[in-house]
Each structure stands twice: as C-alpha cells, then as structure tokens.
Amino acid sequence: MQKNEILIIYGNTPAEMAAKIAEAADLARLIGDRKKRIGLKPNLVVSRPASEGATTHPEIAAGLVAYLKKNGFNNIVILEGAWVGDSATRAFSACGYSGFARAGVKLVDTQRDSYETVDCKGIKIDICKTARKIDFMINLPVLKGHCQTRLTCALKNQKGVISDSEKRRFHGLGLHRPIAHLNTEVRNDFILVDGICGDLDFEEGGNPVFGGRLFAARDPVLCDAFAASLIGYNISEIPYIGLAEKLGIGVSGPVAVRELNKNSAAPPPPKPTGKVRQLAGFIKEENACSACYAGLVYALSRLGRNEQSRLGEICIGQGFKGKKGKTGVGLCTAAFTASCPGCPPTGTQVLEFLRCKN
C-alpha cells in the first residue's frame, strides 16, 4: 500500500472486512520484524457499544488480531484512554474488548499509565509511556462528528494517549493546535477507519448513521482530509488538519482511492444533520472540555424549542473560572448565579438543571 492511497471495503461484517483490508494493504510487510510491539488504538471515548455510533467495533480489532497472529505477530497491545469523566477500563468491558486479554492481547488503560513529557515541535505534552514504547501503531478511529471540531478521525483519536490533565489543557489551548502537535510524536503507522455506523453529530454517540464501510490509510493527514470530504466538510473547516500538514505530519492530497469491492447496496456517504450548530447558538463557550460541552449539547437537544429559548445564553468552559455570570455549566462556572456542578456533569444532570431553570 502506497502512502497516497486510501483502501475502501464495503459491507457489514467488520472482522472479515478488517482482515481483507489488511491483506490488501500487505500489512505484514509494512510491519516487518515479527518481534515488534504492535499497538491497536481504538476510539473508546465512552462506555457505550459501537452500535450507538461512538466507539470502534471490537470485531475490527478482532479481525486485525487474527490477521496479525496468523502472520507471526504476537506482541500486541490495545491501548486507550476515555474522555474525562469516564474510564477506559470500564469501556473495555462495555465495548466488548475484555475477551482480548484472554487471547493474550494486553489491554492498557492509558489513564492509569505513567507519562513522560515530550517536546512535540514546540508544545510539551505528557504522553503515556506505553504509547512511546510501541514500534508499530495501528490507529482505529471511528468516522464521526464532534460538537467542537466537527470531525474526529485519525489525528484527534490520538488524544487517548495523553493524561486527563493534558486533555483539559488541550481545550485551554484551543484544541486544534495541540492535536496537530501531538501527532508529530505519536505514531500513525497504519490507520483503519471504522465507517460502519458513526454518529455524525455527537462524539458520544446516540444517533448512529449506517455508512457500511471501512477505509485504510498510511498518512493521517490524508486520511482525515478524505474523511472530512466524505461527510461534506472542507478541510478549512477543521483547522487541525491544515496545521498537521504544515507541521510535516502528512499531506492532504492528492489521493488515490482503491475500492476492494463494489456494493450497490452501500449508501452514499452520510452527512451531519447540523443539529449541533443549531444548538451551539444557545451556548457561550470558552475553552470547554469535550465531555462537559457534549453533556450540555445533549441536554439542549432534549429540550423543546420553547424551553431552549427561555434559557438565554449558557456559559461553559475554563475561560469562565472565577468570573461572575447568570447561567453556567460545570465546575468552571461555580461563581455564576446558577451553575450546574460537576467536572464534568453528566448530560442527565445538565438536563435536570436546565429544566429546573425553566
């Protein structure tokens, strides 16, 4: 498989599709030495099954593990850290990954790992030591939307190898720039994107849209540029892609697409509904963490239009620490007249808070 290629396979049998795309990419040759320590990095941001559109199907990892073992690779690690407020250890169980440990694959919750500070081309970032020891990283992101960055795919998925404190700091730095810089040091040797049924609006899932495809890449910038185009975004709308390209992590094009099969039943690439953008009109956000922001968006989505309009502006984010205001969500707005406590509060807690305000 060439660096400028995207391989696509259609269907709804993730394990079989993953093995076939690995064969087509000649993944064993790309890895080389059978003694290498191979990391699989899924997206297990929350403890919810893949059918809800937020997390990587475990069958994809299973198909790759079977392929790797068949080709003589046995030093395999699955590593991930959930978002702030959840636990990757809990997600391994809820998302169907617990069985890998019985098959001799080590599961590493990076939130419980130790970290080392690494200079990522101008930004020092604490990266988990397990990720630093990986010889060949296979990134397994979900093609899905994000309430702040619009898209999360290969580049953003690597946030799972940093500490919770760094995740908060990323949001304080504006999210896009640190995501790009992180990828100057975190490996992206092979990327296999789960495009089976991602939620194209919410990172935490709940509104899955059937896409019926997996696609593979070797360049994370090319991968994310292609992913953005699939769901109707220009890369200029997702700044971390262009920033990563400027840092020399990869190129956004041109791309050579190779389809491994033809499936007339496969739907056209789905598009986001725009619901998040509409709800964002009620929010004043300054450096909010994803879990906190997503909880507020979820809560607003559950309210009727009349309830939404009566609330007025709702403030959220680290930029409001110590400041006064009317209505806020999260610990950072504790000084406000009315504030929903929690770091982060759950979507249900925010919903109850907003309904009390009405």
Protein backbone atom coordinates (compact mmCIF):
# COMPACT_ATOMS: atom_id res chain seq x y z
CA MET A 1 0.00 0.00 0.00
CA GLN A 2 1.35 3.39 -1.03
CA LYS A 3 1.40 6.49 1.22
CA ASN A 4 -1.03 8.36 -1.05
CA GLU A 5 -3.59 5.54 -1.16
CA ILE A 6 -6.94 5.07 0.55
CA LEU A 7 -8.28 1.49 0.51
CA ILE A 8 -12.06 1.06 0.93
CA ILE A 9 -14.10 -2.04 1.61
CA TYR A 10 -17.90 -2.12 1.86
CA GLY A 11 -20.14 -4.34 3.95
CA ASN A 12 -21.37 -5.01 7.46
CA THR A 13 -19.05 -7.80 8.68
CA PRO A 14 -16.31 -5.81 10.43
CA ALA A 15 -13.98 -8.68 11.37
CA GLU A 16 -13.93 -10.13 7.87
CA MET A 17 -13.59 -6.68 6.29
CA ALA A 18 -10.68 -5.76 8.58
CA ALA A 19 -8.78 -8.93 7.70
CA LYS A 20 -9.36 -8.41 3.97
CA ILE A 21 -8.21 -4.81 4.03
CA ALA A 22 -5.08 -5.81 5.99
CA GLU A 23 -4.31 -8.42 3.33
CA ALA A 24 -4.85 -5.92 0.53
CA ALA A 25 -2.58 -3.40 2.24
CA ASP A 26 0.07 -6.09 2.79
CA LEU A 27 0.14 -5.03 6.42
CA ALA A 28 2.55 -7.79 7.45
CA ARG A 29 5.15 -6.44 5.03
CA LEU A 30 4.62 -2.89 6.28
CA ILE A 31 5.26 -4.00 9.86
CA GLY A 32 8.26 -6.20 9.04
CA ASP A 33 10.02 -7.63 12.09
CA ARG A 34 7.76 -10.14 13.89
CA LYS A 35 9.23 -9.09 17.25
CA LYS A 36 7.87 -5.56 17.02
CA ARG A 37 5.44 -4.40 19.68
CA ILE A 38 2.21 -3.56 17.87
CA GLY A 39 -0.34 -1.16 19.31
CA LEU A 40 -4.02 -1.03 18.38
CA LYS A 41 -5.57 2.33 19.30
CA PRO A 42 -9.39 2.23 19.06
CA ASN A 43 -11.76 5.05 19.97
CA LEU A 44 -13.41 4.09 23.27
CA VAL A 45 -14.18 7.62 24.38
CA VAL A 46 -17.26 6.48 26.34
CA SER A 47 -18.54 3.20 27.77
CA ARG A 48 -21.09 2.58 25.02
CA PRO A 49 -21.32 -0.20 22.41
CA ALA A 50 -20.23 0.51 18.84
CA SER A 51 -23.82 0.20 17.59
CA GLU A 52 -24.53 3.61 19.17
CA GLY A 53 -22.05 5.33 16.85
CA ALA A 54 -19.30 6.49 19.26
CA THR A 55 -16.82 3.63 19.64
CA THR A 56 -14.76 1.33 17.45
CA HIS A 57 -16.34 -2.05 16.69
CA PRO A 58 -14.40 -4.73 18.63
CA GLU A 59 -14.78 -7.03 15.63
CA ILE A 60 -12.42 -4.76 13.69
CA ALA A 61 -9.74 -5.26 16.31
CA ALA A 62 -10.54 -8.99 16.35
CA GLY A 63 -10.10 -9.26 12.59
CA LEU A 64 -6.75 -7.49 12.79
CA VAL A 65 -5.52 -9.56 15.75
CA ALA A 66 -6.38 -12.75 13.88
CA TYR A 67 -4.53 -11.49 10.80
CA LEU A 68 -1.50 -10.44 12.86
CA LYS A 69 -1.27 -13.73 14.74
CA LYS A 70 -1.64 -15.70 11.51
CA ASN A 71 1.34 -13.76 10.17
CA GLY A 72 3.51 -14.39 13.24
CA PHE A 73 2.95 -11.19 15.24
CA ASN A 74 2.17 -11.93 18.88
CA ASN A 75 3.37 -8.88 20.82
CA ILE A 76 0.10 -6.93 20.61
CA VAL A 77 -1.29 -4.22 22.90
CA ILE A 78 -4.67 -2.47 22.80
CA LEU A 79 -4.36 0.95 24.44
CA GLU A 80 -6.88 3.69 25.04
CA GLY A 81 -7.96 6.40 27.47
CA ALA A 82 -11.60 7.51 27.67
CA TRP A 83 -12.61 11.14 27.91
CA VAL A 84 -12.53 12.98 31.23
CA GLY A 85 -15.32 11.61 33.41
CA ASP A 86 -15.29 8.08 32.00
CA SER A 87 -12.87 5.16 32.25
CA ALA A 88 -11.18 3.12 29.54
CA THR A 89 -11.16 0.13 31.91
CA ARG A 90 -14.95 0.38 32.08
CA ALA A 91 -15.10 0.99 28.31
CA PHE A 92 -13.06 -2.16 27.56
CA SER A 93 -15.84 -4.15 29.21
CA ALA A 94 -18.84 -2.18 27.92
CA CYS A 95 -17.48 -2.00 24.36
CA GLY A 96 -16.65 -5.71 24.03
CA TYR A 97 -12.85 -5.69 24.40
CA SER A 98 -12.44 -7.72 27.60
CA GLY A 99 -12.03 -11.01 25.70
CA PHE A 100 -8.79 -9.83 24.08
CA ALA A 101 -6.96 -10.23 27.39
CA ARG A 102 -7.87 -13.93 27.44
CA ALA A 103 -6.45 -14.21 23.93
CA GLY A 104 -3.06 -12.93 25.06
CA VAL A 105 -3.51 -9.31 23.96
CA LYS A 106 -2.63 -6.79 26.66
CA LEU A 107 -5.22 -4.10 27.43
CA VAL A 108 -3.78 -0.81 28.67
CA ASP A 109 -5.92 1.94 30.20
CA THR A 110 -3.73 4.96 29.44
CA GLN A 111 -5.48 6.96 32.17
CA ARG A 112 -3.75 4.61 34.63
CA ASP A 113 -0.41 4.62 32.84
CA SER A 114 2.64 6.71 33.69
CA TYR A 115 3.60 9.57 31.40
CA GLU A 116 6.64 11.30 30.03
CA THR A 117 6.86 14.89 28.84
CA VAL A 118 7.71 15.11 25.15
CA ASP A 119 8.54 18.17 23.06
CA CYS A 120 6.07 17.95 20.16
CA LYS A 121 7.59 20.56 17.84
CA GLY A 122 7.10 23.46 20.21
CA ILE A 123 4.42 22.19 22.61
CA LYS A 124 5.45 19.96 25.52
CA ILE A 125 2.87 17.20 26.02
CA ASP A 126 2.60 14.38 28.57
CA ILE A 127 2.26 11.15 26.54
CA CYS A 128 1.67 7.74 28.11
CA LYS A 129 4.78 5.57 28.29
CA THR A 130 3.05 2.56 26.71
CA ALA A 131 2.42 4.56 23.53
CA ARG A 132 6.05 5.68 23.50
CA LYS A 133 7.19 2.03 23.53
CA ILE A 134 5.04 0.94 20.58
CA ASP A 135 7.03 0.00 17.46
CA PHE A 136 4.08 -0.01 15.04
CA MET A 137 0.84 1.82 15.83
CA ILE A 138 -2.44 0.84 14.17
CA ASN A 139 -4.91 3.66 14.69
CA LEU A 140 -8.57 2.53 14.72
CA PRO A 141 -10.69 5.70 14.80
CA VAL A 142 -14.41 6.00 14.18
CA LEU A 143 -15.57 8.29 11.38
CA LYS A 144 -17.87 10.56 13.35
CA GLY A 145 -18.74 14.12 14.19
CA HIS A 146 -17.62 16.23 17.12
CA CYS A 147 -19.52 19.04 18.80
CA GLN A 148 -16.46 21.33 18.82
CA THR A 149 -14.14 20.28 15.98
CA ARG A 150 -16.86 18.97 13.60
CA LEU A 151 -14.81 15.83 12.77
CA THR A 152 -12.94 13.28 14.81
CA CYS A 153 -10.94 10.66 12.96
CA ALA A 154 -7.24 9.64 12.90
CA LEU A 155 -5.48 12.75 14.20
CA LYS A 156 -7.87 13.53 17.04
CA ASN A 157 -8.15 9.87 18.09
CA GLN A 158 -4.60 10.11 19.44
CA LYS A 159 -5.84 12.22 22.35
CA GLY A 160 -6.45 8.86 24.00
CA VAL A 161 -2.73 8.50 24.80
CA ILE A 162 -2.46 11.66 26.93
CA SER A 163 -3.38 12.26 30.56
CA ASP A 164 -6.72 13.70 31.73
CA SER A 165 -4.95 16.88 32.82
CA GLU A 166 -3.47 17.23 29.33
CA LYS A 167 -6.91 16.73 27.79
CA ARG A 168 -8.16 19.69 29.83
CA ARG A 169 -5.11 21.72 28.83
CA PHE A 170 -5.70 20.90 25.14
CA HIS A 171 -9.07 22.61 25.38
CA GLY A 172 -7.46 25.59 27.10
CA LEU A 173 -5.04 25.84 24.15
CA GLY A 174 -7.87 25.82 21.63
CA LEU A 175 -7.84 22.07 20.83
CA HIS A 176 -6.82 22.24 17.15
CA ARG A 177 -3.19 23.32 17.61
CA PRO A 178 -2.26 20.79 20.33
CA ILE A 179 -3.96 17.97 18.40
CA ALA A 180 -1.74 18.73 15.43
CA HIS A 181 1.43 18.98 17.53
CA LEU A 182 0.66 15.73 19.41
CA ASN A 183 0.78 13.85 16.12
CA THR A 184 4.37 14.92 15.49
CA GLU A 185 5.41 12.39 18.17
CA VAL A 186 2.61 9.79 18.38
CA ARG A 187 2.92 7.05 15.77
CA ASN A 188 0.36 6.61 12.96
CA ASP A 189 1.88 3.72 11.02
CA PHE A 190 -1.41 2.30 9.70
CA ILE A 191 -4.93 3.64 10.03
CA LEU A 192 -8.12 1.63 9.68
CA VAL A 193 -11.22 3.80 9.99
CA ASP A 194 -14.48 2.39 11.32
CA GLY A 195 -17.12 3.84 9.00
CA ILE A 196 -19.79 1.27 9.82
CA CYS A 197 -22.22 3.46 11.79
CA GLY A 198 -20.68 6.61 13.29
CA ASP A 199 -22.71 9.40 14.83
CA LEU A 200 -22.00 12.34 12.56
CA ASP A 201 -23.09 14.99 15.06
CA PHE A 202 -22.18 13.84 18.56
CA GLU A 203 -18.85 12.36 19.67
CA GLU A 204 -20.53 10.35 22.44
CA GLY A 205 -22.95 8.64 20.02
CA GLY A 206 -26.67 8.04 20.25
CA ASN A 207 -27.54 8.89 16.63
CA PRO A 208 -25.71 6.27 14.53
CA VAL A 209 -25.83 6.61 10.76
CA PHE A 210 -25.10 3.48 8.71
CA GLY A 211 -22.11 4.02 6.44
CA GLY A 212 -21.24 0.38 5.73
CA ARG A 213 -17.54 0.80 5.03
CA LEU A 214 -14.01 0.63 6.40
CA PHE A 215 -11.15 2.54 4.85
CA ALA A 216 -7.41 2.34 5.41
CA ALA A 217 -4.60 4.87 5.06
CA ARG A 218 -0.96 5.29 5.98
CA ASP A 219 -0.99 9.10 6.17
CA PRO A 220 -3.18 10.55 8.98
CA VAL A 221 -3.50 13.95 7.28
CA LEU A 222 -4.62 12.36 4.02
CA CYS A 223 -6.94 10.09 6.00
CA ASP A 224 -8.66 12.96 7.80
CA ALA A 225 -8.89 15.12 4.69
CA PHE A 226 -10.61 12.22 2.93
CA ALA A 227 -12.86 11.58 5.94
CA ALA A 228 -13.88 15.25 6.01
CA SER A 229 -14.78 15.16 2.32
CA LEU A 230 -16.89 12.03 2.84
CA ILE A 231 -19.22 13.80 5.26
CA GLY A 232 -19.31 17.13 3.46
CA TYR A 233 -16.65 19.26 5.14
CA ASN A 234 -13.84 21.24 3.56
CA ILE A 235 -10.54 20.80 5.39
CA SER A 236 -10.51 24.56 6.05
CA GLU A 237 -13.45 23.92 8.40
CA ILE A 238 -11.29 21.57 10.51
CA PRO A 239 -8.16 23.57 11.34
CA TYR A 240 -6.12 20.76 12.90
CA ILE A 241 -5.84 19.03 9.50
CA GLY A 242 -4.13 22.02 7.89
CA LEU A 243 -1.98 22.61 10.97
CA ALA A 244 -0.82 18.98 10.90
CA GLU A 245 0.07 19.30 7.22
CA LYS A 246 2.14 22.43 7.93
CA LEU A 247 4.00 20.52 10.67
CA GLY A 248 5.03 17.89 8.10
CA ILE A 249 2.92 15.06 9.53
CA GLY A 250 1.41 14.26 6.13
CA VAL A 251 -0.25 15.71 3.05
CA SER A 252 -3.93 16.37 2.39
CA GLY A 253 -3.80 15.28 -1.25
CA PRO A 254 -3.88 14.23 -3.98
CA VAL A 255 -5.35 10.88 -3.01
CA ALA A 256 -5.54 7.58 -4.91
CA VAL A 257 -8.69 5.69 -3.87
CA ARG A 258 -8.77 1.91 -4.35
CA GLU A 259 -12.07 0.12 -3.72
CA LEU A 260 -11.66 -3.54 -2.81
CA ASN A 261 -15.23 -4.44 -3.67
CA LYS A 262 -18.30 -2.92 -5.23
CA ASN A 263 -21.51 -2.86 -3.25
CA SER A 264 -24.53 -1.31 -4.87
CA ALA A 265 -26.35 -1.61 -1.55
CA ALA A 266 -23.84 0.65 0.21
CA PRO A 267 -25.42 4.02 0.95
CA PRO A 268 -23.88 7.25 -0.28
CA PRO A 269 -21.60 8.89 2.27
CA PRO A 270 -23.90 10.27 5.01
CA LYS A 271 -23.84 13.90 6.11
CA PRO A 272 -24.16 15.59 9.53
CA THR A 273 -27.61 16.93 10.37
CA GLY A 274 -26.37 20.35 11.51
CA LYS A 275 -28.16 19.89 14.83
CA VAL A 276 -25.06 20.70 16.88
CA ARG A 277 -24.53 24.00 15.06
CA GLN A 278 -28.13 24.98 15.76
CA LEU A 279 -27.83 24.15 19.46
CA ALA A 280 -24.49 25.97 19.69
CA GLY A 281 -26.43 29.19 19.22
CA PHE A 282 -27.55 28.92 22.85
CA ILE A 283 -24.00 28.43 24.18
CA LYS A 284 -21.19 30.84 25.03
CA GLU A 285 -18.10 28.64 25.15
CA GLU A 286 -14.54 29.46 26.22
CA ASN A 287 -12.11 26.52 26.22
CA ALA A 288 -14.68 23.92 27.28
CA CYS A 289 -13.65 20.28 27.64
CA SER A 290 -15.38 17.87 25.25
CA ALA A 291 -17.24 15.84 27.88
CA CYS A 292 -18.67 18.94 29.54
CA TYR A 293 -19.63 20.58 26.23
CA ALA A 294 -21.16 17.36 24.90
CA GLY A 295 -23.26 17.00 28.05
CA LEU A 296 -24.68 20.48 27.52
CA VAL A 297 -25.39 19.86 23.84
CA TYR A 298 -27.13 16.58 24.72
CA ALA A 299 -29.25 18.32 27.35
CA LEU A 300 -30.26 21.11 24.97
CA SER A 301 -31.20 18.53 22.34
CA ARG A 302 -33.68 17.01 24.80
CA LEU A 303 -35.46 20.29 25.42
CA GLY A 304 -38.26 21.70 23.32
CA ARG A 305 -37.69 24.89 21.34
CA ASN A 306 -39.71 26.99 23.77
CA GLU A 307 -37.68 25.63 26.68
CA GLN A 308 -34.43 26.38 24.83
CA SER A 309 -35.39 29.96 24.02
CA ARG A 310 -36.40 30.72 27.64
CA LEU A 311 -32.96 29.77 28.96
CA GLY A 312 -30.98 32.56 27.36
CA GLU A 313 -27.21 32.25 26.94
CA ILE A 314 -25.48 29.40 28.78
CA CYS A 315 -21.77 29.75 29.58
CA ILE A 316 -19.33 26.84 29.70
CA GLY A 317 -15.58 26.34 29.77
CA GLN A 318 -12.30 27.01 31.55
CA GLY A 319 -12.36 30.63 30.42
CA PHE A 320 -15.10 31.37 32.98
CA LYS A 321 -13.16 30.27 36.08
CA GLY A 322 -13.65 32.84 38.85
CA LYS A 323 -15.94 35.01 36.72
CA LYS A 324 -19.48 36.10 37.51
CA GLY A 325 -22.42 35.37 35.26
CA LYS A 326 -26.03 34.31 35.09
CA THR A 327 -26.21 30.67 33.93
CA GLY A 328 -23.31 28.28 33.59
CA VAL A 329 -22.50 24.59 33.33
CA GLY A 330 -19.59 22.77 35.00
CA LEU A 331 -17.19 23.48 37.85
CA CYS A 332 -15.55 26.33 35.90
CA THR A 333 -18.74 28.42 36.27
CA ALA A 334 -19.10 27.83 40.03
CA ALA A 335 -19.13 31.61 40.69
CA PHE A 336 -22.22 32.12 38.49
CA THR A 337 -25.66 32.89 39.94
CA ALA A 338 -26.86 29.49 38.70
CA SER A 339 -24.36 26.76 37.85
CA CYS A 340 -24.70 23.04 37.21
CA PRO A 341 -21.95 21.42 39.33
CA GLY A 342 -19.64 18.63 38.18
CA CYS A 343 -16.35 18.16 36.34
CA PRO A 344 -17.81 17.12 34.05
CA PRO A 345 -21.53 16.94 34.88
CA THR A 346 -23.40 14.21 33.02
CA GLY A 347 -25.84 15.05 30.27
CA THR A 348 -28.68 13.91 32.55
CA GLN A 349 -27.51 16.21 35.34
CA VAL A 350 -27.32 19.15 32.93
CA LEU A 351 -30.78 18.34 31.59
CA GLU A 352 -32.26 18.31 35.10
CA PHE A 353 -30.50 21.61 35.87
CA LEU A 354 -31.84 23.31 32.72
CA ARG A 355 -35.36 22.02 33.31
CA CYS A 356 -35.28 23.47 36.82
CA LYS A 357 -34.25 26.79 35.28
CA ASN A 358 -37.40 26.66 33.12
